Amino acid sequence: MNENDYCLIDATRPPRADGPPYAECVLCREPTEYPESYKGITLCPVCEWQEAQRTACSG
């Protein structure tokens, strides 16, 4: 296995918010760490972790 044999996952994340209001998680509706003004998919820390586990490489 060479150094380029790994999964490429789009790791783009919205910027962290300095304070409220926070965006809602698109899965569970809990507050996220991202600003409410962010346009896009936002996940709370719990759902973000679960999604990372679900999409992690197995091998």
C-alpha atoms as a PDB file:
ATOM      1  CA  MET A   1       0.000   0.000   0.000  1.00  0.00           C
ATOM      2  CA  ASN A   2       1.528   3.322  -0.965  1.00  0.00           C
ATOM      3  CA  GLU A   3       0.984   6.706   0.667  1.00  0.00           C
ATOM      4  CA  ASN A   4      -1.698   7.701  -1.870  1.00  0.00           C
ATOM      5  CA  ASP A   5      -3.950   4.700  -1.094  1.00  0.00           C
ATOM      6  CA  TYR A   6      -6.498   6.331   1.175  1.00  0.00           C
ATOM      7  CA  CYS A   7     -10.046   7.567   1.015  1.00  0.00           C
ATOM      8  CA  LEU A   8     -10.668  11.050  -0.211  1.00  0.00           C
ATOM      9  CA  ILE A   9     -13.593  12.534   1.682  1.00  0.00           C
ATOM     10  CA  ASP A  10     -14.788  16.064   1.048  1.00  0.00           C
ATOM     11  CA  ALA A  11     -13.759  17.681   4.319  1.00  0.00           C
ATOM     12  CA  THR A  12     -15.025  21.185   3.622  1.00  0.00           C
ATOM     13  CA  ARG A  13     -16.641  22.615   6.731  1.00  0.00           C
ATOM     14  CA  PRO A  14     -18.476  25.813   7.399  1.00  0.00           C
ATOM     15  CA  PRO A  15     -16.645  28.399   9.507  1.00  0.00           C
ATOM     16  CA  ARG A  16     -17.068  28.086  13.287  1.00  0.00           C
ATOM     17  CA  ALA A  17     -19.400  30.648  14.833  1.00  0.00           C
ATOM     18  CA  ASP A  18     -18.070  33.083  17.441  1.00  0.00           C
ATOM     19  CA  GLY A  19     -21.396  32.922  19.279  1.00  0.00           C
ATOM     20  CA  PRO A  20     -25.172  32.605  18.845  1.00  0.00           C
ATOM     21  CA  PRO A  21     -27.251  32.397  16.761  1.00  0.00           C
ATOM     22  CA  TYR A  22     -26.179  28.941  15.634  1.00  0.00           C
ATOM     23  CA  ALA A  23     -27.416  26.994  12.621  1.00  0.00           C
ATOM     24  CA  GLU A  24     -29.611  23.933  13.264  1.00  0.00           C
ATOM     25  CA  CYS A  25     -28.329  20.442  12.558  1.00  0.00           C
ATOM     26  CA  VAL A  26     -29.988  19.174   9.378  1.00  0.00           C
ATOM     27  CA  LEU A  27     -30.499  15.738  10.957  1.00  0.00           C
ATOM     28  CA  CYS A  28     -31.584  16.291  14.563  1.00  0.00           C
ATOM     29  CA  ARG A  29     -32.350  20.059  14.689  1.00  0.00           C
ATOM     30  CA  GLU A  30     -29.938  20.622  17.624  1.00  0.00           C
ATOM     31  CA  PRO A  31     -27.730  23.740  17.549  1.00  0.00           C
ATOM     32  CA  THR A  32     -24.445  23.319  15.701  1.00  0.00           C
ATOM     33  CA  GLU A  33     -21.118  25.095  16.124  1.00  0.00           C
ATOM     34  CA  TYR A  34     -21.711  26.969  12.855  1.00  0.00           C
ATOM     35  CA  PRO A  35     -23.225  30.407  12.276  1.00  0.00           C
ATOM     36  CA  GLU A  36     -26.933  30.616  11.446  1.00  0.00           C
ATOM     37  CA  SER A  37     -26.029  32.692   8.380  1.00  0.00           C
ATOM     38  CA  TYR A  38     -24.141  29.747   6.798  1.00  0.00           C
ATOM     39  CA  LYS A  39     -25.921  28.481   3.702  1.00  0.00           C
ATOM     40  CA  GLY A  40     -25.398  24.749   3.353  1.00  0.00           C
ATOM     41  CA  ILE A  41     -25.509  21.481   5.249  1.00  0.00           C
ATOM     42  CA  THR A  42     -24.649  21.835   8.920  1.00  0.00           C
ATOM     43  CA  LEU A  43     -24.360  19.013  11.449  1.00  0.00           C
ATOM     44  CA  CYS A  44     -24.130  19.156  15.237  1.00  0.00           C
ATOM     45  CA  PRO A  45     -20.992  17.580  16.783  1.00  0.00           C
ATOM     46  CA  VAL A  46     -22.831  14.300  17.543  1.00  0.00           C
ATOM     47  CA  CYS A  47     -24.294  13.861  14.043  1.00  0.00           C
ATOM     48  CA  GLU A  48     -21.000  15.019  12.491  1.00  0.00           C
ATOM     49  CA  TRP A  49     -19.151  12.281  14.405  1.00  0.00           C
ATOM     50  CA  GLN A  50     -21.760   9.641  13.485  1.00  0.00           C
ATOM     51  CA  GLU A  51     -21.614  10.664   9.824  1.00  0.00           C
ATOM     52  CA  ALA A  52     -17.811  10.427   9.884  1.00  0.00           C
ATOM     53  CA  GLN A  53     -18.057   6.930  11.377  1.00  0.00           C
ATOM     54  CA  ARG A  54     -20.626   5.917   8.756  1.00  0.00           C
ATOM     55  CA  THR A  55     -18.550   7.163   5.830  1.00  0.00           C
ATOM     56  CA  ALA A  56     -15.110   6.137   7.164  1.00  0.00           C
ATOM     57  CA  CYS A  57     -12.968   3.849   5.071  1.00  0.00           C
ATOM     58  CA  SER A  58     -13.006   0.228   6.018  1.00  0.00           C
ATOM     59  CA  GLY A  59     -10.038  -1.781   5.101  1.00  0.00           C
END
